[in-house]
Amino acid sequence: MAANKRSSISKADSLEKMGEFWDTHDFTEYDDPNAPDADFTVTCAVPIALDIFEAVEQYAHRQGIGVETLINLWVQKKLAEEAQTTEDRESE
């Protein structure tokens, strides 16, 4: 820990003291039940060739939607088609 930093709960000024504090305390003693839950959005990145991205970007712009929305719609549609194709093959 930096010399001028202190833990907000334990007021410890070293990692060792912070560890000692949490050895004898429980997080629930300090949890505020009225505090809002943290909200997270999980994202991922998939590499795509620049020329393909530019074409998708132009198409999305013409449609009046964001690139992310367009790609999500396309992937969702393709997955539904694949699921239907698999279902059709299995019923034959």
PDB file of N, CA and C in Angstrom:
ATOM      1  N   MET A   1       0.837  -1.184   0.000  1.00  0.00           N
ATOM      2  CA  MET A   1       0.000   0.000   0.000  1.00  0.00           C
ATOM      3  C   MET A   1       0.873   1.235   0.000  1.00  0.00           C
ATOM      4  N   ALA A   2       0.431   2.265  -0.654  1.00  0.00           N
ATOM      5  CA  ALA A   2       1.180   3.520  -0.657  1.00  0.00           C
ATOM      6  C   ALA A   2       1.238   4.068   0.764  1.00  0.00           C
ATOM      7  N   ALA A   3       2.282   4.797   1.064  1.00  0.00           N
ATOM      8  CA  ALA A   3       2.503   5.290   2.419  1.00  0.00           C
ATOM      9  C   ALA A   3       1.369   6.170   2.926  1.00  0.00           C
ATOM     10  N   ASN A   4       0.739   6.944   2.054  1.00  0.00           N
ATOM     11  CA  ASN A   4      -0.294   7.860   2.504  1.00  0.00           C
ATOM     12  C   ASN A   4      -1.705   7.297   2.332  1.00  0.00           C
ATOM     13  N   LYS A   5      -1.825   6.014   1.975  1.00  0.00           N
ATOM     14  CA  LYS A   5      -3.133   5.405   1.756  1.00  0.00           C
ATOM     15  C   LYS A   5      -3.548   4.614   2.984  1.00  0.00           C
ATOM     16  N   ARG A   6      -4.850   4.670   3.275  1.00  0.00           N
ATOM     17  CA  ARG A   6      -5.411   3.872   4.358  1.00  0.00           C
ATOM     18  C   ARG A   6      -6.630   3.155   3.822  1.00  0.00           C
ATOM     19  N   SER A   7      -6.858   1.963   4.300  1.00  0.00           N
ATOM     20  CA  SER A   7      -8.047   1.213   3.928  1.00  0.00           C
ATOM     21  C   SER A   7      -9.273   1.959   4.448  1.00  0.00           C
ATOM     22  N   SER A   8     -10.314   2.039   3.636  1.00  0.00           N
ATOM     23  CA  SER A   8     -11.496   2.818   4.012  1.00  0.00           C
ATOM     24  C   SER A   8     -12.266   2.217   5.176  1.00  0.00           C
ATOM     25  N   ILE A   9     -12.214   0.926   5.352  1.00  0.00           N
ATOM     26  CA  ILE A   9     -12.968   0.300   6.443  1.00  0.00           C
ATOM     27  C   ILE A   9     -12.065   0.017   7.638  1.00  0.00           C
ATOM     28  N   SER A  10     -10.987  -0.700   7.418  1.00  0.00           N
ATOM     29  CA  SER A  10     -10.129  -1.107   8.535  1.00  0.00           C
ATOM     30  C   SER A  10      -9.234   0.015   9.032  1.00  0.00           C
ATOM     31  N   LYS A  11      -9.043   1.044   8.226  1.00  0.00           N
ATOM     32  CA  LYS A  11      -8.125   2.150   8.518  1.00  0.00           C
ATOM     33  C   LYS A  11      -6.691   1.671   8.616  1.00  0.00           C
ATOM     34  N   ALA A  12      -6.431   0.471   8.100  1.00  0.00           N
ATOM     35  CA  ALA A  12      -5.080  -0.080   8.113  1.00  0.00           C
ATOM     36  C   ALA A  12      -4.218   0.663   7.103  1.00  0.00           C
ATOM     37  N   ASP A  13      -2.939   0.781   7.431  1.00  0.00           N
ATOM     38  CA  ASP A  13      -2.021   1.458   6.529  1.00  0.00           C
ATOM     39  C   ASP A  13      -1.023   0.500   5.896  1.00  0.00           C
ATOM     40  N   SER A  14      -1.261  -0.808   6.074  1.00  0.00           N
ATOM     41  CA  SER A  14      -0.418  -1.806   5.422  1.00  0.00           C
ATOM     42  C   SER A  14      -1.278  -3.022   5.084  1.00  0.00           C
ATOM     43  N   LEU A  15      -0.809  -3.786   4.126  1.00  0.00           N
ATOM     44  CA  LEU A  15      -1.549  -4.989   3.746  1.00  0.00           C
ATOM     45  C   LEU A  15      -1.588  -5.991   4.893  1.00  0.00           C
ATOM     46  N   GLU A  16      -0.512  -6.069   5.653  1.00  0.00           N
ATOM     47  CA  GLU A  16      -0.467  -6.984   6.801  1.00  0.00           C
ATOM     48  C   GLU A  16      -1.529  -6.616   7.831  1.00  0.00           C
ATOM     49  N   LYS A  17      -1.633  -5.328   8.183  1.00  0.00           N
ATOM     50  CA  LYS A  17      -2.634  -4.884   9.155  1.00  0.00           C
ATOM     51  C   LYS A  17      -4.049  -5.070   8.617  1.00  0.00           C
ATOM     52  N   MET A  18      -4.209  -4.860   7.301  1.00  0.00           N
ATOM     53  CA  MET A  18      -5.521  -5.061   6.694  1.00  0.00           C
ATOM     54  C   MET A  18      -5.920  -6.537   6.796  1.00  0.00           C
ATOM     55  N   GLY A  19      -4.964  -7.426   6.540  1.00  0.00           N
ATOM     56  CA  GLY A  19      -5.225  -8.864   6.665  1.00  0.00           C
ATOM     57  C   GLY A  19      -5.597  -9.243   8.082  1.00  0.00           C
ATOM     58  N   GLU A  20      -4.890  -8.695   9.056  1.00  0.00           N
ATOM     59  CA  GLU A  20      -5.198  -8.969  10.469  1.00  0.00           C
ATOM     60  C   GLU A  20      -6.607  -8.489  10.810  1.00  0.00           C
ATOM     61  N   PHE A  21      -6.983  -7.329  10.305  1.00  0.00           N
ATOM     62  CA  PHE A  21      -8.323  -6.786  10.553  1.00  0.00           C
ATOM     63  C   PHE A  21      -9.379  -7.749  10.021  1.00  0.00           C
ATOM     64  N   TRP A  22      -9.227  -8.179   8.770  1.00  0.00           N
ATOM     65  CA  TRP A  22     -10.247  -9.033   8.162  1.00  0.00           C
ATOM     66  C   TRP A  22     -10.226 -10.453   8.705  1.00  0.00           C
ATOM     67  N   ASP A  23      -9.140 -10.838   9.385  1.00  0.00           N
ATOM     68  CA  ASP A  23      -9.120 -12.138  10.064  1.00  0.00           C
ATOM     69  C   ASP A  23     -10.091 -12.146  11.235  1.00  0.00           C
ATOM     70  N   THR A  24     -10.390 -10.991  11.782  1.00  0.00           N
ATOM     71  CA  THR A  24     -11.257 -10.908  12.969  1.00  0.00           C
ATOM     72  C   THR A  24     -12.575 -10.190  12.694  1.00  0.00           C
ATOM     73  N   HIS A  25     -12.843  -9.803  11.458  1.00  0.00           N
ATOM     74  CA  HIS A  25     -14.088  -9.110  11.108  1.00  0.00           C
ATOM     75  C   HIS A  25     -14.739  -9.776   9.913  1.00  0.00           C
ATOM     76  N   ASP A  26     -16.002  -9.492   9.720  1.00  0.00           N
ATOM     77  CA  ASP A  26     -16.770 -10.052   8.619  1.00  0.00           C
ATOM     78  C   ASP A  26     -17.331  -8.910   7.778  1.00  0.00           C
ATOM     79  N   PHE A  27     -17.329  -9.095   6.468  1.00  0.00           N
ATOM     80  CA  PHE A  27     -17.818  -8.058   5.558  1.00  0.00           C
ATOM     81  C   PHE A  27     -19.244  -7.638   5.896  1.00  0.00           C
ATOM     82  N   THR A  28     -20.061  -8.586   6.330  1.00  0.00           N
ATOM     83  CA  THR A  28     -21.471  -8.262   6.594  1.00  0.00           C
ATOM     84  C   THR A  28     -21.634  -7.256   7.728  1.00  0.00           C
ATOM     85  N   GLU A  29     -20.612  -7.097   8.562  1.00  0.00           N
ATOM     86  CA  GLU A  29     -20.663  -6.082   9.618  1.00  0.00           C
ATOM     87  C   GLU A  29     -20.656  -4.674   9.017  1.00  0.00           C
ATOM     88  N   TYR A  30     -20.153  -4.545   7.794  1.00  0.00           N
ATOM     89  CA  TYR A  30     -19.979  -3.233   7.168  1.00  0.00           C
ATOM     90  C   TYR A  30     -20.849  -3.035   5.932  1.00  0.00           C
ATOM     91  N   ASP A  31     -21.597  -4.058   5.565  1.00  0.00           N
ATOM     92  CA  ASP A  31     -22.441  -3.985   4.374  1.00  0.00           C
ATOM     93  C   ASP A  31     -23.628  -3.077   4.646  1.00  0.00           C
ATOM     94  N   ASP A  32     -23.892  -2.167   3.735  1.00  0.00           N
ATOM     95  CA  ASP A  32     -25.044  -1.267   3.844  1.00  0.00           C
ATOM     96  C   ASP A  32     -26.180  -1.866   3.012  1.00  0.00           C
ATOM     97  N   PRO A  33     -27.221  -2.373   3.651  1.00  0.00           N
ATOM     98  CA  PRO A  33     -28.310  -3.002   2.903  1.00  0.00           C
ATOM     99  C   PRO A  33     -29.081  -2.005   2.028  1.00  0.00           C
ATOM    100  N   ASN A  34     -28.918  -0.725   2.286  1.00  0.00           N
ATOM    101  CA  ASN A  34     -29.606   0.291   1.494  1.00  0.00           C
ATOM    102  C   ASN A  34     -28.782   0.758   0.289  1.00  0.00           C
ATOM    103  N   ALA A  35     -27.536   0.330   0.240  1.00  0.00           N
ATOM    104  CA  ALA A  35     -26.684   0.719  -0.885  1.00  0.00           C
ATOM    105  C   ALA A  35     -27.135  -0.026  -2.132  1.00  0.00           C
ATOM    106  N   PRO A  36     -27.124   0.634  -3.280  1.00  0.00           N
ATOM    107  CA  PRO A  36     -27.550  -0.050  -4.509  1.00  0.00           C
ATOM    108  C   PRO A  36     -26.559  -1.145  -4.887  1.00  0.00           C
ATOM    109  N   ASP A  37     -27.084  -2.195  -5.494  1.00  0.00           N
ATOM    110  CA  ASP A  37     -26.214  -3.256  -5.984  1.00  0.00           C
ATOM    111  C   ASP A  37     -25.421  -2.729  -7.171  1.00  0.00           C
ATOM    112  N   ALA A  38     -24.231  -3.253  -7.326  1.00  0.00           N
ATOM    113  CA  ALA A  38     -23.416  -2.868  -8.482  1.00  0.00           C
ATOM    114  C   ALA A  38     -24.044  -3.443  -9.740  1.00  0.00           C
ATOM    115  N   ASP A  39     -24.011  -2.683 -10.810  1.00  0.00           N
ATOM    116  CA  ASP A  39     -24.569  -3.113 -12.081  1.00  0.00           C
ATOM    117  C   ASP A  39     -23.431  -3.248 -13.073  1.00  0.00           C
ATOM    118  N   PHE A  40     -23.257  -4.444 -13.629  1.00  0.00           N
ATOM    119  CA  PHE A  40     -22.157  -4.704 -14.538  1.00  0.00           C
ATOM    120  C   PHE A  40     -22.679  -5.069 -15.916  1.00  0.00           C
ATOM    121  N   THR A  41     -21.953  -4.671 -16.909  1.00  0.00           N
ATOM    122  CA  THR A  41     -22.223  -5.087 -18.273  1.00  0.00           C
ATOM    123  C   THR A  41     -20.999  -5.846 -18.759  1.00  0.00           C
ATOM    124  N   VAL A  42     -21.223  -7.059 -19.182  1.00  0.00           N
ATOM    125  CA  VAL A  42     -20.125  -7.877 -19.670  1.00  0.00           C
ATOM    126  C   VAL A  42     -20.034  -7.692 -21.181  1.00  0.00           C
ATOM    127  N   THR A  43     -18.863  -7.353 -21.640  1.00  0.00           N
ATOM    128  CA  THR A  43     -18.648  -7.179 -23.074  1.00  0.00           C
ATOM    129  C   THR A  43     -17.466  -8.029 -23.496  1.00  0.00           C
ATOM    130  N   CYS A  44     -17.393  -8.272 -24.776  1.00  0.00           N
ATOM    131  CA  CYS A  44     -16.240  -8.994 -25.302  1.00  0.00           C
ATOM    132  C   CYS A  44     -15.862  -8.379 -26.641  1.00  0.00           C
ATOM    133  N   ALA A  45     -14.664  -8.643 -27.050  1.00  0.00           N
ATOM    134  CA  ALA A  45     -14.177  -8.117 -28.319  1.00  0.00           C
ATOM    135  C   ALA A  45     -13.854  -9.283 -29.239  1.00  0.00           C
ATOM    136  N   VAL A  46     -14.280  -9.159 -30.467  1.00  0.00           N
ATOM    137  CA  VAL A  46     -13.979 -10.166 -31.476  1.00  0.00           C
ATOM    138  C   VAL A  46     -13.264  -9.450 -32.615  1.00  0.00           C
ATOM    139  N   PRO A  47     -12.055  -9.871 -32.926  1.00  0.00           N
ATOM    140  CA  PRO A  47     -11.330  -9.204 -34.019  1.00  0.00           C
ATOM    141  C   PRO A  47     -12.067  -9.385 -35.347  1.00  0.00           C
ATOM    142  N   ILE A  48     -12.098  -8.347 -36.133  1.00  0.00           N
ATOM    143  CA  ILE A  48     -12.743  -8.383 -37.443  1.00  0.00           C
ATOM    144  C   ILE A  48     -11.883  -7.570 -38.407  1.00  0.00           C
ATOM    145  N   ALA A  49     -11.795  -8.040 -39.629  1.00  0.00           N
ATOM    146  CA  ALA A  49     -10.990  -7.337 -40.635  1.00  0.00           C
ATOM    147  C   ALA A  49     -11.538  -5.926 -40.817  1.00  0.00           C
ATOM    148  N   LEU A  50     -10.640  -4.970 -40.975  1.00  0.00           N
ATOM    149  CA  LEU A  50     -11.024  -3.565 -41.066  1.00  0.00           C
ATOM    150  C   LEU A  50     -11.990  -3.304 -42.218  1.00  0.00           C
ATOM    151  N   ASP A  51     -11.762  -3.901 -43.374  1.00  0.00           N
ATOM    152  CA  ASP A  51     -12.662  -3.657 -44.500  1.00  0.00           C
ATOM    153  C   ASP A  51     -14.064  -4.202 -44.241  1.00  0.00           C
ATOM    154  N   ILE A  52     -14.151  -5.339 -43.554  1.00  0.00           N
ATOM    155  CA  ILE A  52     -15.470  -5.879 -43.190  1.00  0.00           C
ATOM    156  C   ILE A  52     -16.149  -4.955 -42.185  1.00  0.00           C
ATOM    157  N   PHE A  53     -15.392  -4.506 -41.207  1.00  0.00           N
ATOM    158  CA  PHE A  53     -15.967  -3.606 -40.205  1.00  0.00           C
ATOM    159  C   PHE A  53     -16.496  -2.326 -40.846  1.00  0.00           C
ATOM    160  N   GLU A  54     -15.724  -1.768 -41.749  1.00  0.00           N
ATOM    161  CA  GLU A  54     -16.155  -0.534 -42.413  1.00  0.00           C
ATOM    162  C   GLU A  54     -17.441  -0.748 -43.199  1.00  0.00           C
ATOM    163  N   ALA A  55     -17.561  -1.886 -43.874  1.00  0.00           N
ATOM    164  CA  ALA A  55     -18.793  -2.189 -44.616  1.00  0.00           C
ATOM    165  C   ALA A  55     -19.977  -2.344 -43.658  1.00  0.00           C
ATOM    166  N   VAL A  56     -19.763  -3.018 -42.549  1.00  0.00           N
ATOM    167  CA  VAL A  56     -20.826  -3.191 -41.546  1.00  0.00           C
ATOM    168  C   VAL A  56     -21.216  -1.841 -40.960  1.00  0.00           C
ATOM    169  N   GLU A  57     -20.216  -1.018 -40.686  1.00  0.00           N
ATOM    170  CA  GLU A  57     -20.455   0.309 -40.131  1.00  0.00           C
ATOM    171  C   GLU A  57     -21.309   1.155 -41.083  1.00  0.00           C
ATOM    172  N   GLN A  58     -20.996   1.113 -42.370  1.00  0.00           N
ATOM    173  CA  GLN A  58     -21.776   1.863 -43.358  1.00  0.00           C
ATOM    174  C   GLN A  58     -23.205   1.332 -43.447  1.00  0.00           C
ATOM    175  N   TYR A  59     -23.356   0.022 -43.442  1.00  0.00           N
ATOM    176  CA  TYR A  59     -24.690  -0.578 -43.505  1.00  0.00           C
ATOM    177  C   TYR A  59     -25.508  -0.195 -42.272  1.00  0.00           C
ATOM    178  N   ALA A  60     -24.890  -0.279 -41.107  1.00  0.00           N
ATOM    179  CA  ALA A  60     -25.583   0.079 -39.867  1.00  0.00           C
ATOM    180  C   ALA A  60     -26.027   1.533 -39.905  1.00  0.00           C
ATOM    181  N   HIS A  61     -25.162   2.391 -40.407  1.00  0.00           N
ATOM    182  CA  HIS A  61     -25.489   3.820 -40.506  1.00  0.00           C
ATOM    183  C   HIS A  61     -26.704   4.029 -41.414  1.00  0.00           C
ATOM    184  N   ARG A  62     -26.728   3.320 -42.550  1.00  0.00           N
ATOM    185  CA  ARG A  62     -27.873   3.446 -43.463  1.00  0.00           C
ATOM    186  C   ARG A  62     -29.166   2.948 -42.813  1.00  0.00           C
ATOM    187  N   GLN A  63     -29.036   1.964 -41.932  1.00  0.00           N
ATOM    188  CA  GLN A  63     -30.211   1.422 -41.242  1.00  0.00           C
ATOM    189  C   GLN A  63     -30.616   2.273 -40.037  1.00  0.00           C
ATOM    190  N   GLY A  64     -29.741   3.190 -39.652  1.00  0.00           N
ATOM    191  CA  GLY A  64     -30.027   4.059 -38.511  1.00  0.00           C
ATOM    192  C   GLY A  64     -29.850   3.381 -37.166  1.00  0.00           C
ATOM    193  N   ILE A  65     -28.964   2.380 -37.129  1.00  0.00           N
ATOM    194  CA  ILE A  65     -28.699   1.680 -35.871  1.00  0.00           C
ATOM    195  C   ILE A  65     -27.199   1.595 -35.642  1.00  0.00           C
ATOM    196  N   GLY A  66     -26.816   1.274 -34.437  1.00  0.00           N
ATOM    197  CA  GLY A  66     -25.405   1.136 -34.102  1.00  0.00           C
ATOM    198  C   GLY A  66     -24.826  -0.167 -34.631  1.00  0.00           C
ATOM    199  N   VAL A  67     -23.527  -0.182 -34.822  1.00  0.00           N
ATOM    200  CA  VAL A  67     -22.830  -1.375 -35.301  1.00  0.00           C
ATOM    201  C   VAL A  67     -23.080  -2.550 -34.361  1.00  0.00           C
ATOM    202  N   GLU A  68     -22.978  -2.307 -33.053  1.00  0.00           N
ATOM    203  CA  GLU A  68     -23.171  -3.377 -32.080  1.00  0.00           C
ATOM    204  C   GLU A  68     -24.565  -3.977 -32.197  1.00  0.00           C
ATOM    205  N   THR A  69     -25.573  -3.119 -32.366  1.00  0.00           N
ATOM    206  CA  THR A  69     -26.943  -3.593 -32.493  1.00  0.00           C
ATOM    207  C   THR A  69     -27.107  -4.440 -33.745  1.00  0.00           C
ATOM    208  N   LEU A  70     -26.581  -3.949 -34.856  1.00  0.00           N
ATOM    209  CA  LEU A  70     -26.687  -4.681 -36.113  1.00  0.00           C
ATOM    210  C   LEU A  70     -26.021  -6.048 -36.011  1.00  0.00           C
ATOM    211  N   ILE A  71     -24.822  -6.101 -35.476  1.00  0.00           N
ATOM    212  CA  ILE A  71     -24.106  -7.371 -35.371  1.00  0.00           C
ATOM    213  C   ILE A  71     -24.848  -8.324 -34.430  1.00  0.00           C
ATOM    214  N   ASN A  72     -25.347  -7.807 -33.321  1.00  0.00           N
ATOM    215  CA  ASN A  72     -26.110  -8.660 -32.410  1.00  0.00           C
ATOM    216  C   ASN A  72     -27.354  -9.223 -33.092  1.00  0.00           C
ATOM    217  N   LEU A  73     -28.050  -8.399 -33.878  1.00  0.00           N
ATOM    218  CA  LEU A  73     -29.228  -8.874 -34.602  1.00  0.00           C
ATOM    219  C   LEU A  73     -28.853  -9.959 -35.605  1.00  0.00           C
ATOM    220  N   TRP A  74     -27.770  -9.737 -36.357  1.00  0.00           N
ATOM    221  CA  TRP A  74     -27.335 -10.726 -37.341  1.00  0.00           C
ATOM    222  C   TRP A  74     -26.941 -12.046 -36.681  1.00  0.00           C
ATOM    223  N   VAL A  75     -26.199 -11.976 -35.605  1.00  0.00           N
ATOM    224  CA  VAL A  75     -25.756 -13.189 -34.924  1.00  0.00           C
ATOM    225  C   VAL A  75     -26.974 -13.926 -34.340  1.00  0.00           C
ATOM    226  N   GLN A  76     -27.881 -13.180 -33.750  1.00  0.00           N
ATOM    227  CA  GLN A  76     -29.096 -13.783 -33.197  1.00  0.00           C
ATOM    228  C   GLN A  76     -29.897 -14.490 -34.295  1.00  0.00           C
ATOM    229  N   LYS A  77     -30.044 -13.844 -35.443  1.00  0.00           N
ATOM    230  CA  LYS A  77     -30.777 -14.424 -36.569  1.00  0.00           C
ATOM    231  C   LYS A  77     -30.076 -15.689 -37.064  1.00  0.00           C
ATOM    232  N   LYS A  78     -28.773 -15.638 -37.222  1.00  0.00           N
ATOM    233  CA  LYS A  78     -28.015 -16.791 -37.698  1.00  0.00           C
ATOM    234  C   LYS A  78     -28.123 -17.959 -36.731  1.00  0.00           C
ATOM    235  N   LEU A  79     -28.056 -17.702 -35.443  1.00  0.00           N
ATOM    236  CA  LEU A  79     -28.179 -18.770 -34.452  1.00  0.00           C
ATOM    237  C   LEU A  79     -29.567 -19.402 -34.500  1.00  0.00           C
ATOM    238  N   ALA A  80     -30.603 -18.589 -34.690  1.00  0.00           N
ATOM    239  CA  ALA A  80     -31.961 -19.110 -34.805  1.00  0.00           C
ATOM    240  C   ALA A  80     -32.093 -19.984 -36.048  1.00  0.00           C
ATOM    241  N   GLU A  81     -31.511 -19.539 -37.165  1.00  0.00           N
ATOM    242  CA  GLU A  81     -31.533 -20.330 -38.401  1.00  0.00           C
ATOM    243  C   GLU A  81     -30.817 -21.658 -38.207  1.00  0.00           C
ATOM    244  N   GLU A  82     -29.657 -21.622 -37.573  1.00  0.00           N
ATOM    245  CA  GLU A  82     -28.888 -22.844 -37.341  1.00  0.00           C
ATOM    246  C   GLU A  82     -29.652 -23.799 -36.421  1.00  0.00           C
ATOM    247  N   ALA A  83     -30.295 -23.265 -35.401  1.00  0.00           N
ATOM    248  CA  ALA A  83     -31.078 -24.102 -34.495  1.00  0.00           C
ATOM    249  C   ALA A  83     -32.227 -24.762 -35.249  1.00  0.00           C
ATOM    250  N   GLN A  84     -32.877 -24.024 -36.127  1.00  0.00           N
ATOM    251  CA  GLN A  84     -33.975 -24.570 -36.916  1.00  0.00           C
ATOM    252  C   GLN A  84     -33.470 -25.652 -37.868  1.00  0.00           C
ATOM    253  N   THR A  85     -32.342 -25.409 -38.519  1.00  0.00           N
ATOM    254  CA  THR A  85     -31.755 -26.394 -39.431  1.00  0.00           C
ATOM    255  C   THR A  85     -31.412 -27.677 -38.679  1.00  0.00           C
ATOM    256  N   THR A  86     -30.826 -27.541 -37.507  1.00  0.00           N
ATOM    257  CA  THR A  86     -30.478 -28.708 -36.687  1.00  0.00           C
ATOM    258  C   THR A  86     -31.730 -29.462 -36.286  1.00  0.00           C
ATOM    259  N   GLU A  87     -32.754 -28.729 -35.894  1.00  0.00           N
ATOM    260  CA  GLU A  87     -34.026 -29.342 -35.494  1.00  0.00           C
ATOM    261  C   GLU A  87     -34.648 -30.091 -36.669  1.00  0.00           C
ATOM    262  N   ASP A  88     -34.612 -29.486 -37.861  1.00  0.00           N
ATOM    263  CA  ASP A  88     -35.177 -30.115 -39.053  1.00  0.00           C
ATOM    264  C   ASP A  88     -34.432 -31.420 -39.374  1.00  0.00           C
ATOM    265  N   ARG A  89     -33.103 -31.399 -39.276  1.00  0.00           N
ATOM    266  CA  ARG A  89     -32.304 -32.595 -39.565  1.00  0.00           C
ATOM    267  C   ARG A  89     -32.596 -33.716 -38.568  1.00  0.00           C
ATOM    268  N   GLU A  90     -32.763 -33.350 -37.320  1.00  0.00           N
ATOM    269  CA  GLU A  90     -33.001 -34.354 -36.278  1.00  0.00           C
ATOM    270  C   GLU A  90     -34.390 -34.970 -36.405  1.00  0.00           C
ATOM    271  N   SER A  91     -35.342 -34.268 -36.994  1.00  0.00           N
ATOM    272  CA  SER A  91     -36.698 -34.801 -37.117  1.00  0.00           C
ATOM    273  C   SER A  91     -36.871 -35.658 -38.373  1.00  0.00           C
ATOM    274  N   GLU A  92     -35.858 -35.723 -39.224  1.00  0.00           N
ATOM    275  CA  GLU A  92     -35.950 -36.532 -40.450  1.00  0.00           C
ATOM    276  C   GLU A  92     -35.727 -37.997 -40.171  1.00  0.00           C
TER     277      GLU A  92
END
